[in-house]
Amino acid sequence: MDYSIGEFSNLTQISIYTLRYYEKENLIIPNRKQNGRRCYSETDVSWMQFIKRLKDTQMPIKEIQKYAELRALGDSTMNERMEMLIKHRIALKKKIAKSNEHLEKLNDKINYYKGVILL
């Protein structure tokens, strides 16, 4: 199924403005109809969901651009893309561990206050 930019925006929950920016930055390259209008596919939906996930995990836009470039080059870049994702996973695990440490300390402080207030 093909989607117009408006339909694609609604489906992916990404503004038309942002989609045009992503296109300018070569993160997504939609097909064009004969009249020049953008035309997005199910593959584009999956790709945009992946981009959103990378952004949500704080992958820098330059890294996402590099990943997108490699993806556009095809299967011969799979090893390099996998290595990028492995490095990102390591960084993400470190952030999660640090956040869990902060959460533990906050819980300790809350429990302290609960103990003191209830006395």
Protein backbone atom coordinates (compact mmCIF):
# COMPACT_ATOMS: atom_id res chain seq x y z
CA MET A 1 0.00 0.00 0.00
CA ASP A 2 1.17 3.51 -0.77
CA TYR A 3 0.72 6.49 1.53
CA SER A 4 0.70 10.21 0.83
CA ILE A 5 2.87 12.37 3.06
CA GLY A 6 -0.18 13.30 5.15
CA GLU A 7 -1.22 9.67 5.59
CA PHE A 8 2.36 8.68 6.37
CA SER A 9 2.63 11.50 8.90
CA ASN A 10 -0.53 10.33 10.68
CA LEU A 11 0.54 6.70 10.56
CA THR A 12 4.04 7.30 11.94
CA GLN A 13 3.11 10.19 14.26
CA ILE A 14 5.85 12.31 12.69
CA SER A 15 5.02 15.78 11.44
CA ILE A 16 5.14 16.57 7.74
CA TYR A 17 7.76 19.21 8.55
CA THR A 18 9.96 16.57 10.23
CA LEU A 19 9.44 14.12 7.37
CA ARG A 20 10.63 16.75 4.91
CA TYR A 21 13.65 17.42 7.15
CA TYR A 22 14.42 13.69 7.29
CA GLU A 23 14.20 13.58 3.52
CA LYS A 24 16.56 16.56 3.23
CA GLU A 25 19.00 14.74 5.55
CA ASN A 26 18.66 11.54 3.47
CA LEU A 27 17.22 9.55 6.35
CA ILE A 28 14.26 8.56 4.22
CA ILE A 29 13.92 8.75 0.47
CA PRO A 30 10.29 8.34 -0.57
CA ASN A 31 9.30 7.29 -4.04
CA ARG A 32 7.60 9.88 -6.22
CA LYS A 33 4.47 9.53 -8.29
CA GLN A 34 4.40 10.81 -11.87
CA ASN A 35 2.99 14.09 -10.59
CA GLY A 36 5.97 14.49 -8.24
CA ARG A 37 4.10 13.79 -5.01
CA ARG A 38 5.81 11.74 -2.35
CA CYS A 39 4.67 8.15 -2.02
CA TYR A 40 5.55 6.08 1.08
CA SER A 41 5.42 2.29 1.37
CA GLU A 42 5.08 -0.25 4.18
CA THR A 43 8.86 -0.61 4.06
CA ASP A 44 9.10 3.14 4.75
CA VAL A 45 6.77 2.69 7.74
CA SER A 46 9.03 0.02 9.22
CA TRP A 47 12.13 2.09 8.50
CA MET A 48 10.61 5.18 10.15
CA GLN A 49 9.68 3.14 13.23
CA PHE A 50 13.31 2.02 13.44
CA ILE A 51 14.57 5.60 13.07
CA LYS A 52 12.21 6.65 15.88
CA ARG A 53 13.56 3.85 18.07
CA LEU A 54 17.14 4.92 17.41
CA LYS A 55 16.25 8.51 18.26
CA ASP A 56 14.38 7.42 21.40
CA THR A 57 17.54 5.63 22.53
CA GLN A 58 19.58 8.80 21.94
CA MET A 59 21.53 7.68 18.90
CA PRO A 60 22.98 10.91 17.46
CA ILE A 61 21.43 12.08 14.20
CA LYS A 62 24.83 11.86 12.48
CA GLU A 63 25.01 8.17 13.41
CA ILE A 64 21.48 7.59 12.14
CA GLN A 65 22.47 9.32 8.91
CA LYS A 66 25.51 7.06 8.58
CA TYR A 67 23.33 4.02 9.23
CA ALA A 68 20.84 5.23 6.59
CA GLU A 69 23.66 5.71 4.07
CA LEU A 70 24.89 2.19 4.67
CA ARG A 71 21.36 0.81 4.45
CA ALA A 72 20.91 2.50 1.08
CA LEU A 73 24.07 0.78 -0.19
CA GLY A 74 22.48 -2.62 0.40
CA ASP A 75 23.28 -5.95 1.97
CA SER A 76 27.03 -5.60 1.52
CA THR A 77 27.00 -3.17 4.48
CA MET A 78 25.23 -5.48 6.93
CA ASN A 79 28.36 -6.14 8.99
CA GLU A 80 29.08 -2.44 9.38
CA ARG A 81 25.47 -1.70 10.33
CA MET A 82 25.50 -4.53 12.85
CA GLU A 83 28.69 -3.13 14.40
CA MET A 84 27.07 0.29 14.69
CA LEU A 85 24.10 -1.25 16.48
CA ILE A 86 26.34 -3.28 18.79
CA LYS A 87 28.22 -0.11 19.79
CA HIS A 88 24.93 1.70 20.33
CA ARG A 89 23.64 -1.20 22.44
CA ILE A 90 26.75 -1.01 24.65
CA ALA A 91 26.26 2.73 25.16
CA LEU A 92 22.55 2.23 25.85
CA LYS A 93 23.24 -0.47 28.45
CA LYS A 94 25.64 1.90 30.22
CA LYS A 95 22.97 4.62 30.28
CA ILE A 96 20.40 2.16 31.61
CA ALA A 97 22.77 1.00 34.35
CA LYS A 98 23.46 4.61 35.35
CA SER A 99 19.73 5.40 35.37
CA ASN A 100 19.04 2.33 37.50
CA GLU A 101 21.72 3.48 39.94
CA HIS A 102 20.06 6.91 40.15
CA LEU A 103 16.67 5.27 40.65
CA GLU A 104 18.05 3.14 43.48
CA LYS A 105 19.45 6.21 45.24
CA LEU A 106 16.14 8.06 44.84
CA ASN A 107 14.29 5.07 46.26
CA ASP A 108 16.70 5.00 49.21
CA LYS A 109 16.03 8.67 49.93
CA ILE A 110 12.24 8.23 49.60
CA ASN A 111 12.33 5.24 51.95
CA TYR A 112 14.38 7.27 54.43
CA TYR A 113 11.78 10.06 54.38
CA LYS A 114 8.95 7.56 54.76
CA GLY A 115 10.67 6.08 57.81
CA VAL A 116 11.31 9.45 59.43
CA ILE A 117 7.88 10.93 58.64
CA LEU A 118 5.97 7.90 59.91
CA LEU A 119 7.79 7.90 63.26
